[in-house]
N, C-alpha and C. Protein backbone atom coordinates (compact mmCIF):
# COMPACT_ATOMS: atom_id res chain seq x y z
N MET A 1 -12.76 -0.99 5.62
CA MET A 1 -12.99 -2.57 5.98
C MET A 1 -11.96 -2.95 6.10
N ARG A 2 -11.71 -3.71 7.75
CA ARG A 2 -10.10 -3.96 8.34
C ARG A 2 -10.39 -5.15 7.56
N ARG A 3 -9.53 -5.62 6.99
CA ARG A 3 -8.73 -7.12 6.09
C ARG A 3 -8.06 -8.38 8.10
N GLN A 4 -8.68 -8.83 7.22
CA GLN A 4 -8.19 -9.82 8.14
C GLN A 4 -7.09 -11.03 7.91
N PRO A 5 -7.03 -11.86 8.94
CA PRO A 5 -5.23 -11.94 7.82
C PRO A 5 -6.09 -13.29 6.90
N LEU A 6 -4.16 -13.39 6.20
CA LEU A 6 -4.88 -14.72 5.15
C LEU A 6 -5.09 -15.65 5.48
N PRO A 7 -5.74 -17.01 5.28
CA PRO A 7 -5.26 -18.01 5.57
C PRO A 7 -4.32 -19.15 5.15
N ASP A 8 -3.85 -19.60 5.80
CA ASP A 8 -2.48 -19.94 5.26
C ASP A 8 -2.34 -21.00 3.43
N ASP A 9 -3.20 -20.97 2.81
CA ASP A 9 -3.51 -22.07 1.87
C ASP A 9 -4.36 -21.05 0.99
N ALA A 10 -4.32 -19.40 1.31
CA ALA A 10 -4.79 -18.97 0.39
C ALA A 10 -4.37 -18.57 -1.41
N LEU A 11 -3.26 -18.87 -0.78
CA LEU A 11 -2.12 -18.25 -2.23
C LEU A 11 -2.08 -19.27 -2.43
N ASP A 12 -2.10 -19.20 -3.27
CA ASP A 12 -1.12 -20.41 -4.73
C ASP A 12 -0.01 -20.16 -5.22
N ALA A 13 1.12 -21.47 -5.57
CA ALA A 13 2.23 -21.28 -6.21
C ALA A 13 2.50 -20.12 -6.59
N ILE A 14 1.44 -19.94 -7.41
CA ILE A 14 1.41 -19.17 -8.79
C ILE A 14 1.56 -17.14 -8.64
N ASP A 15 0.29 -17.97 -6.93
CA ASP A 15 0.55 -16.11 -6.32
C ASP A 15 1.38 -16.01 -6.35
N ARG A 16 2.20 -17.21 -5.59
CA ARG A 16 2.81 -16.90 -4.29
C ARG A 16 4.25 -15.93 -5.90
N ALA A 17 4.34 -16.98 -6.64
CA ALA A 17 5.25 -16.20 -7.48
C ALA A 17 4.96 -14.97 -8.33
N ILE A 18 4.08 -14.55 -8.37
CA ILE A 18 3.61 -13.63 -8.75
C ILE A 18 3.59 -11.91 -7.89
N LEU A 19 3.75 -12.71 -6.80
CA LEU A 19 3.57 -11.96 -5.84
C LEU A 19 5.07 -10.99 -5.77
N ASN A 20 6.11 -12.58 -5.62
CA ASN A 20 7.02 -11.98 -5.77
C ASN A 20 8.60 -11.49 -6.95
N THR A 21 8.03 -11.93 -8.01
CA THR A 21 7.93 -11.93 -9.45
C THR A 21 8.36 -9.91 -9.99
N LEU A 22 6.73 -9.63 -9.07
CA LEU A 22 6.51 -8.15 -10.06
C LEU A 22 7.20 -7.35 -9.09
N GLN A 23 7.32 -7.61 -8.07
CA GLN A 23 7.85 -6.51 -7.30
C GLN A 23 9.07 -6.48 -7.90
N ASP A 24 9.92 -6.61 -8.37
CA ASP A 24 10.88 -6.44 -9.46
C ASP A 24 10.99 -5.61 -10.58
N GLY A 25 10.13 -5.80 -10.64
CA GLY A 25 9.91 -4.56 -12.18
C GLY A 25 9.05 -5.22 -13.28
N PHE A 26 7.85 -4.98 -14.17
CA PHE A 26 7.01 -5.29 -14.75
C PHE A 26 7.62 -4.92 -16.66
N PRO A 27 7.34 -5.56 -17.48
CA PRO A 27 7.13 -4.90 -18.58
C PRO A 27 7.09 -3.62 -19.46
N ILE A 28 7.96 -3.25 -19.82
CA ILE A 28 6.87 -1.95 -20.61
C ILE A 28 6.98 -2.86 -21.78
N ALA A 29 5.86 -3.25 -23.16
CA ALA A 29 5.45 -3.67 -23.85
C ALA A 29 4.35 -3.37 -23.79
N SER A 30 3.66 -3.32 -25.57
CA SER A 30 2.88 -3.18 -26.17
C SER A 30 2.07 -4.04 -25.37
N ARG A 31 1.66 -5.69 -24.81
CA ARG A 31 1.57 -6.55 -24.11
C ARG A 31 1.75 -6.78 -23.10
N PRO A 32 1.75 -6.16 -21.57
CA PRO A 32 2.54 -6.26 -20.42
C PRO A 32 2.57 -7.21 -19.60
N PHE A 33 0.88 -7.84 -19.76
CA PHE A 33 0.63 -8.63 -18.68
C PHE A 33 0.67 -10.16 -19.81
N ASP A 34 0.68 -10.26 -21.14
CA ASP A 34 1.67 -11.18 -21.75
C ASP A 34 2.63 -11.38 -21.34
N GLU A 35 3.41 -10.12 -21.53
CA GLU A 35 5.09 -10.67 -21.26
C GLU A 35 4.96 -11.15 -20.01
N ALA A 36 4.89 -10.44 -18.75
CA ALA A 36 4.80 -10.52 -17.10
C ALA A 36 4.25 -12.19 -17.03
N GLY A 37 3.16 -12.79 -17.68
CA GLY A 37 2.79 -13.88 -17.70
C GLY A 37 3.36 -14.98 -17.87
N ALA A 38 3.92 -14.49 -19.28
CA ALA A 38 4.44 -15.62 -19.97
C ALA A 38 6.25 -16.05 -18.86
N GLY A 39 6.98 -15.20 -18.50
CA GLY A 39 7.28 -15.64 -17.26
C GLY A 39 7.10 -16.72 -16.01
N LEU A 40 5.81 -16.39 -15.72
CA LEU A 40 5.64 -17.40 -14.87
C LEU A 40 4.69 -18.10 -15.54
N GLY A 41 4.41 -18.09 -16.06
CA GLY A 41 3.77 -19.52 -16.88
C GLY A 41 2.29 -19.64 -17.40
N VAL A 42 1.10 -17.97 -17.12
CA VAL A 42 0.13 -17.74 -17.32
C VAL A 42 0.09 -16.44 -18.57
N THR A 43 -1.49 -16.49 -18.82
CA THR A 43 -1.28 -15.81 -20.30
C THR A 43 -1.46 -14.90 -19.64
N GLY A 44 -1.20 -13.69 -20.28
CA GLY A 44 -1.63 -11.89 -19.52
C GLY A 44 -3.38 -12.30 -18.69
N ALA A 45 -4.04 -13.06 -19.80
CA ALA A 45 -5.42 -12.78 -19.27
C ALA A 45 -5.42 -13.10 -18.11
N GLU A 46 -5.19 -14.62 -17.40
CA GLU A 46 -5.01 -14.98 -16.29
C GLU A 46 -4.15 -14.21 -14.70
N LEU A 47 -3.25 -13.63 -15.47
CA LEU A 47 -2.60 -12.78 -14.80
C LEU A 47 -3.39 -12.11 -13.72
N ILE A 48 -4.01 -11.03 -15.08
CA ILE A 48 -5.54 -10.07 -14.70
C ILE A 48 -5.92 -10.15 -13.63
N ASP A 49 -6.45 -11.94 -14.09
CA ASP A 49 -8.08 -12.72 -12.85
C ASP A 49 -6.60 -12.73 -11.73
N ARG A 50 -5.78 -13.19 -11.69
CA ARG A 50 -5.11 -13.62 -10.19
C ARG A 50 -5.06 -11.92 -9.57
N LEU A 51 -4.25 -10.99 -10.12
CA LEU A 51 -4.11 -9.87 -9.47
C LEU A 51 -5.58 -9.37 -9.15
N ALA A 52 -6.41 -9.72 -10.15
CA ALA A 52 -7.78 -8.74 -9.08
C ALA A 52 -8.27 -10.33 -8.10
N ASN A 53 -7.89 -11.08 -8.62
CA ASN A 53 -8.69 -11.32 -6.88
C ASN A 53 -7.55 -12.00 -5.65
N LEU A 54 -5.55 -11.30 -5.68
CA LEU A 54 -5.55 -11.62 -4.52
C LEU A 54 -5.33 -10.33 -4.18
N ARG A 55 -5.80 -8.90 -4.55
CA ARG A 55 -6.58 -7.85 -4.46
C ARG A 55 -7.88 -7.98 -4.02
N GLU A 56 -9.03 -9.17 -4.14
CA GLU A 56 -10.30 -9.18 -3.86
C GLU A 56 -9.96 -10.42 -2.00
N ILE A 57 -9.40 -10.71 -1.65
CA ILE A 57 -8.41 -11.37 -1.40
C ILE A 57 -8.15 -10.53 -0.28
N GLY A 58 -7.70 -9.30 -0.30
CA GLY A 58 -6.36 -8.48 0.55
C GLY A 58 -5.19 -8.80 0.68
N ALA A 59 -4.78 -10.21 -0.42
CA ALA A 59 -3.32 -9.83 -0.40
C ALA A 59 -2.24 -8.63 -0.77
N ILE A 60 -3.20 -8.11 -1.86
CA ILE A 60 -2.21 -6.41 -1.67
C ILE A 60 -3.45 -5.67 -2.20
N THR A 61 -3.28 -4.48 -1.87
CA THR A 61 -3.73 -3.73 -2.03
C THR A 61 -4.60 -2.30 -2.80
N ARG A 62 -3.14 -3.04 -4.03
CA ARG A 62 -3.51 -2.14 -4.93
C ARG A 62 -2.47 -2.65 -6.54
N PHE A 63 -2.37 -2.67 -7.12
CA PHE A 63 -0.81 -3.07 -8.15
C PHE A 63 -1.08 -2.28 -9.16
N GLY A 64 -0.36 -1.21 -9.84
CA GLY A 64 0.23 0.16 -9.97
C GLY A 64 2.02 -0.09 -9.65
N PRO A 65 2.44 1.23 -10.53
CA PRO A 65 4.11 1.45 -10.22
C PRO A 65 3.96 2.74 -8.55
N PHE A 66 4.85 2.63 -8.45
CA PHE A 66 5.47 3.50 -7.53
C PHE A 66 6.17 4.12 -7.75
N PHE A 67 5.70 5.48 -7.61
CA PHE A 67 6.74 6.63 -8.13
C PHE A 67 7.11 7.44 -6.93
N ASP A 68 9.08 7.91 -7.08
CA ASP A 68 9.32 8.29 -6.23
C ASP A 68 9.07 10.03 -6.65
N VAL A 69 8.86 10.46 -5.26
CA VAL A 69 7.99 11.44 -6.45
C VAL A 69 9.00 12.82 -5.08
N ALA A 70 10.62 11.99 -4.60
CA ALA A 70 11.19 13.10 -4.38
C ALA A 70 12.03 13.50 -5.16
N PRO A 71 12.31 13.46 -6.49
CA PRO A 71 12.89 13.63 -7.18
C PRO A 71 11.91 14.44 -8.59
N MET A 72 10.91 13.99 -8.36
CA MET A 72 10.60 15.05 -8.93
C MET A 72 9.67 16.47 -7.43
N GLY A 73 10.83 16.46 -6.52
CA GLY A 73 9.76 17.33 -5.65
C GLY A 73 9.07 17.22 -4.57
N GLY A 74 8.71 16.34 -4.34
CA GLY A 74 7.32 15.58 -3.44
C GLY A 74 8.40 15.03 -2.55
N GLU A 75 6.88 14.44 -1.35
CA GLU A 75 7.52 14.65 -0.70
C GLU A 75 7.29 12.72 0.17
N PHE A 76 7.38 12.19 0.77
CA PHE A 76 6.66 11.20 1.84
C PHE A 76 7.40 11.02 3.03
N CYS A 77 6.13 10.49 3.35
CA CYS A 77 5.98 11.15 5.14
C CYS A 77 5.29 9.56 6.03
N LEU A 78 5.61 8.53 7.30
CA LEU A 78 5.64 7.96 7.92
C LEU A 78 4.72 9.10 8.84
N CYS A 79 3.24 8.31 8.72
CA CYS A 79 2.43 9.23 9.71
C CYS A 79 1.65 7.83 10.71
N ALA A 80 1.75 8.02 11.64
CA ALA A 80 0.81 7.43 13.12
C ALA A 80 0.48 8.17 14.16
N MET A 81 -1.02 6.75 14.07
CA MET A 81 -2.61 7.36 14.76
C MET A 81 -2.07 6.68 15.94
N GLU A 82 -3.19 7.00 17.20
CA GLU A 82 -3.14 6.09 18.59
C GLU A 82 -4.87 6.97 18.22
N VAL A 83 -5.53 5.30 18.01
CA VAL A 83 -6.76 5.51 17.13
C VAL A 83 -8.40 4.20 18.34
N PRO A 84 -8.90 4.92 18.50
CA PRO A 84 -9.06 4.42 19.75
C PRO A 84 -9.93 3.37 19.06
N GLU A 85 -9.82 2.07 19.94
CA GLU A 85 -10.42 1.04 18.95
C GLU A 85 -12.21 0.71 18.53
N SER A 86 -12.50 1.71 19.42
CA SER A 86 -14.52 1.37 18.97
C SER A 86 -14.46 2.70 17.63
N ASP A 87 -13.08 3.58 17.45
CA ASP A 87 -13.59 4.62 15.90
C ASP A 87 -12.39 4.06 15.47
N PHE A 88 -12.19 2.91 15.22
CA PHE A 88 -10.83 2.55 14.18
C PHE A 88 -11.06 2.83 12.95
N GLU A 89 -12.75 1.61 12.47
CA GLU A 89 -13.43 2.01 11.34
C GLU A 89 -13.28 3.39 10.95
N ARG A 90 -14.10 4.43 11.37
CA ARG A 90 -14.56 5.80 11.37
C ARG A 90 -13.31 6.58 10.34
N VAL A 91 -11.84 6.11 11.60
CA VAL A 91 -11.20 7.20 11.34
C VAL A 91 -10.14 6.26 10.37
N MET A 92 -10.46 5.31 10.43
CA MET A 92 -9.88 4.47 8.92
C MET A 92 -10.65 4.91 7.62
N THR A 93 -11.52 4.68 7.58
CA THR A 93 -12.27 5.98 6.00
C THR A 93 -12.10 7.45 6.39
N LEU A 94 -12.37 7.60 6.62
CA LEU A 94 -11.96 9.04 6.53
C LEU A 94 -10.14 9.27 6.33
N VAL A 95 -9.41 8.82 6.84
CA VAL A 95 -8.14 9.16 6.68
C VAL A 95 -7.78 8.45 5.40
N ASN A 96 -7.67 6.63 5.19
CA ASN A 96 -8.15 6.39 3.31
C ASN A 96 -8.37 7.73 2.55
N ALA A 97 -9.61 8.32 2.55
CA ALA A 97 -10.55 9.15 1.60
C ALA A 97 -9.55 9.80 1.17
N HIS A 98 -8.22 10.30 2.07
CA HIS A 98 -7.17 12.04 1.00
C HIS A 98 -6.62 10.57 -0.13
N PRO A 99 -5.86 10.64 -1.47
CA PRO A 99 -5.84 10.52 -1.89
C PRO A 99 -3.87 10.22 -1.38
N GLU A 100 -3.72 10.91 -0.66
CA GLU A 100 -1.90 10.91 -0.56
C GLU A 100 -2.21 9.63 0.02
N VAL A 101 -2.91 9.43 0.77
CA VAL A 101 -2.24 8.52 1.94
C VAL A 101 -2.35 6.60 0.85
N ALA A 102 -0.97 5.95 1.65
CA ALA A 102 -1.01 4.58 1.27
C ALA A 102 -1.01 3.79 1.98
N HIS A 103 -0.32 2.61 1.92
CA HIS A 103 -0.08 1.50 2.41
C HIS A 103 -0.77 2.03 4.02
N ASN A 104 -1.82 1.78 4.22
CA ASN A 104 -2.24 2.84 5.75
C ASN A 104 -3.01 0.84 6.29
N TYR A 105 -2.15 0.14 7.90
CA TYR A 105 -1.87 -0.37 8.74
C TYR A 105 -2.40 -0.33 10.12
N GLU A 106 -3.17 -1.52 10.74
CA GLU A 106 -3.05 -1.87 11.63
C GLU A 106 -2.43 -2.48 12.17
N ARG A 107 -1.64 -1.72 13.55
CA ARG A 107 -0.72 -2.59 14.29
C ARG A 107 -1.17 -2.68 15.85
N THR A 108 -0.49 -3.59 16.32
CA THR A 108 -1.44 -3.75 18.05
C THR A 108 -0.49 -2.99 18.93
N HIS A 109 -0.56 -1.91 19.30
CA HIS A 109 0.29 -1.60 20.13
C HIS A 109 -0.47 0.28 20.62
N ARG A 110 0.17 1.40 21.20
CA ARG A 110 -0.19 2.05 21.23
C ARG A 110 -1.00 3.10 20.23
N LEU A 111 0.74 3.50 19.59
CA LEU A 111 -0.24 4.08 17.94
C LEU A 111 -0.38 2.90 16.69
N ASN A 112 -1.77 2.19 16.42
CA ASN A 112 -1.96 1.62 16.59
C ASN A 112 -2.28 1.38 14.39
N MET A 113 -2.44 2.72 13.94
CA MET A 113 -2.72 3.17 12.56
C MET A 113 -1.37 4.48 12.24
N TRP A 114 -1.52 3.55 11.64
CA TRP A 114 0.51 3.86 10.56
C TRP A 114 -0.24 3.76 9.67
N PHE A 115 0.70 4.30 9.33
CA PHE A 115 0.57 4.79 6.96
C PHE A 115 1.27 5.70 6.41
N VAL A 116 1.76 6.20 4.98
CA VAL A 116 2.91 6.68 4.74
C VAL A 116 1.55 8.33 3.80
N LEU A 117 2.23 8.98 4.17
CA LEU A 117 1.53 10.18 3.16
C LEU A 117 2.73 10.52 1.82
N ALA A 118 2.37 10.90 0.56
CA ALA A 118 3.15 11.00 -0.39
C ALA A 118 2.03 12.67 -0.51
N ALA A 119 2.85 13.43 -1.46
CA ALA A 119 2.71 15.07 -1.58
C ALA A 119 3.01 15.13 -2.87
N VAL A 120 3.17 15.98 -3.76
CA VAL A 120 3.54 16.84 -4.90
C VAL A 120 4.52 17.22 -4.92
N ALA A 121 4.67 18.07 -3.62
CA ALA A 121 4.86 19.09 -2.89
C ALA A 121 5.44 19.09 -1.02
N PRO A 122 6.57 19.40 -0.55
CA PRO A 122 6.77 18.82 0.59
C PRO A 122 5.36 19.96 2.00
N GLU A 123 4.69 20.41 1.52
CA GLU A 123 4.18 21.15 2.11
C GLU A 123 2.63 20.03 2.39
N GLY A 124 2.48 19.29 1.65
CA GLY A 124 1.21 18.56 0.86
C GLY A 124 1.07 17.59 1.90
N ILE A 125 2.47 17.22 2.42
CA ILE A 125 1.89 16.20 3.56
C ILE A 125 1.90 17.47 5.08
N GLU A 126 2.20 18.38 5.78
CA GLU A 126 1.33 19.16 7.11
C GLU A 126 0.06 19.10 6.07
N THR A 127 -0.10 19.40 5.07
CA THR A 127 -1.98 20.30 4.40
C THR A 127 -2.83 19.14 4.87
N THR A 128 -2.30 17.57 4.51
CA THR A 128 -3.52 16.68 4.33
C THR A 128 -3.16 16.25 5.94
N ALA A 129 -1.69 16.24 6.92
CA ALA A 129 -2.11 15.49 7.42
C ALA A 129 -2.55 16.76 8.79
N ASP A 130 -2.76 17.61 8.16
CA ASP A 130 -3.97 18.83 9.84
C ASP A 130 -5.03 18.75 8.79
N GLU A 131 -5.64 18.56 8.07
CA GLU A 131 -6.57 18.19 7.56
C GLU A 131 -7.18 16.66 8.09
N ILE A 132 -6.42 15.64 7.51
CA ILE A 132 -6.81 15.12 8.82
C ILE A 132 -6.59 14.72 10.15
N GLU A 133 -6.75 15.56 10.24
CA GLU A 133 -6.50 16.16 12.49
C GLU A 133 -8.01 16.46 12.75
N ARG A 134 -7.77 17.39 11.88
CA ARG A 134 -9.21 17.81 11.93
C ARG A 134 -10.00 17.45 11.94
N GLU A 135 -10.93 16.04 10.74
CA GLU A 135 -11.56 15.37 10.23
C GLU A 135 -12.03 14.36 11.89
N THR A 136 -10.74 13.85 11.84
CA THR A 136 -10.47 12.63 12.96
C THR A 136 -10.46 13.32 14.64
N GLY A 137 -10.24 14.73 14.84
CA GLY A 137 -10.20 14.97 16.28
C GLY A 137 -9.14 14.46 16.61
N LEU A 138 -8.13 13.46 16.59
CA LEU A 138 -6.86 12.94 16.95
C LEU A 138 -5.79 13.49 15.73
N LYS A 139 -4.08 13.26 16.78
CA LYS A 139 -2.53 13.67 16.45
C LYS A 139 -2.49 12.63 15.48
N VAL A 140 -2.07 13.30 14.90
CA VAL A 140 -1.26 12.66 13.27
C VAL A 140 0.61 13.11 14.30
N LEU A 141 1.23 11.49 14.16
CA LEU A 141 2.72 11.90 14.40
C LEU A 141 2.73 11.54 13.37
N ARG A 142 4.32 12.93 12.59
CA ARG A 142 5.15 12.86 11.82
C ARG A 142 6.25 12.39 11.40
N PHE A 143 7.23 11.44 10.88
CA PHE A 143 8.29 10.37 11.17
C PHE A 143 8.19 10.84 9.73
N PRO A 144 9.38 12.34 9.23
CA PRO A 144 9.63 12.51 7.83
C PRO A 144 10.54 11.66 7.04
N LYS A 145 11.18 11.10 6.05
CA LYS A 145 11.95 10.52 6.07
C LYS A 145 13.58 10.63 6.03
N LEU A 146 14.31 10.57 6.29
CA LEU A 146 16.33 10.94 6.64
C LEU A 146 16.96 9.74 5.85
N GLU A 147 15.91 8.38 5.71
CA GLU A 147 17.34 7.96 5.36
C GLU A 147 16.16 6.57 3.87
N GLU A 148 16.90 6.50 3.22
CA GLU A 148 16.37 5.65 2.44
C GLU A 148 16.04 3.52 1.90
N PHE A 149 14.80 3.60 2.43
CA PHE A 149 15.04 2.25 2.85
C PHE A 149 14.38 1.70 2.02
N PHE A 150 14.61 -0.07 0.82
CA PHE A 150 13.39 -0.76 0.08
C PHE A 150 13.12 -2.51 1.78
N VAL A 151 12.44 -2.33 0.97
CA VAL A 151 12.32 -3.54 2.03
C VAL A 151 10.98 -4.49 1.13
N GLY A 152 11.24 -5.93 0.28
CA GLY A 152 10.65 -6.36 -0.80
C GLY A 152 9.84 -7.48 -0.18
N PHE A 153 8.94 -7.64 0.12
CA PHE A 153 7.32 -7.81 0.37
C PHE A 153 8.29 -9.99 -0.27
N ARG A 154 8.45 -10.62 0.17
CA ARG A 154 8.00 -11.87 -0.32
C ARG A 154 7.26 -13.01 1.00
N VAL A 155 7.32 -13.83 -0.18
CA VAL A 155 5.88 -15.27 0.09
C VAL A 155 7.23 -16.17 -0.03
N THR A 156 6.60 -17.38 1.34
CA THR A 156 7.79 -18.14 1.04
C THR A 156 6.00 -19.06 1.40
N ALA A 157 6.86 -20.51 0.61
CA ALA A 157 5.16 -21.56 0.50
C ALA A 157 5.04 -22.12 1.80
């Protein structure tokens, strides 16, 4: 299902702190949520509840580690598609069904669906993109990574 923009008041100060802080790392500890929560002024249980709520309202789509597959022999690829508006939900569902797909976003221009493919081997990118093309009947444009950039997502008051 397509997500609607969040209302301005959907996130309180603690939610914003969670989103900003946890991007910079998560403790490796016997009780990591308790440790991370303490730094945010909440209990581990409250942190877990807040993360679940952030996911439920669409502020985040997932919570978990991000592995750089390249040093392990894998590959990332940014992809884009031109999807007819009337077919967007169907195509989005087909694309998102692939476990290699991450960060699927709708944009307001001709190439209106953008997503990242992550595969354990370089040939997995082509295989998955080809499967998506067969399933949807639409071309998947592939933009392989040439240079690494980190873009942090920070929320303000």
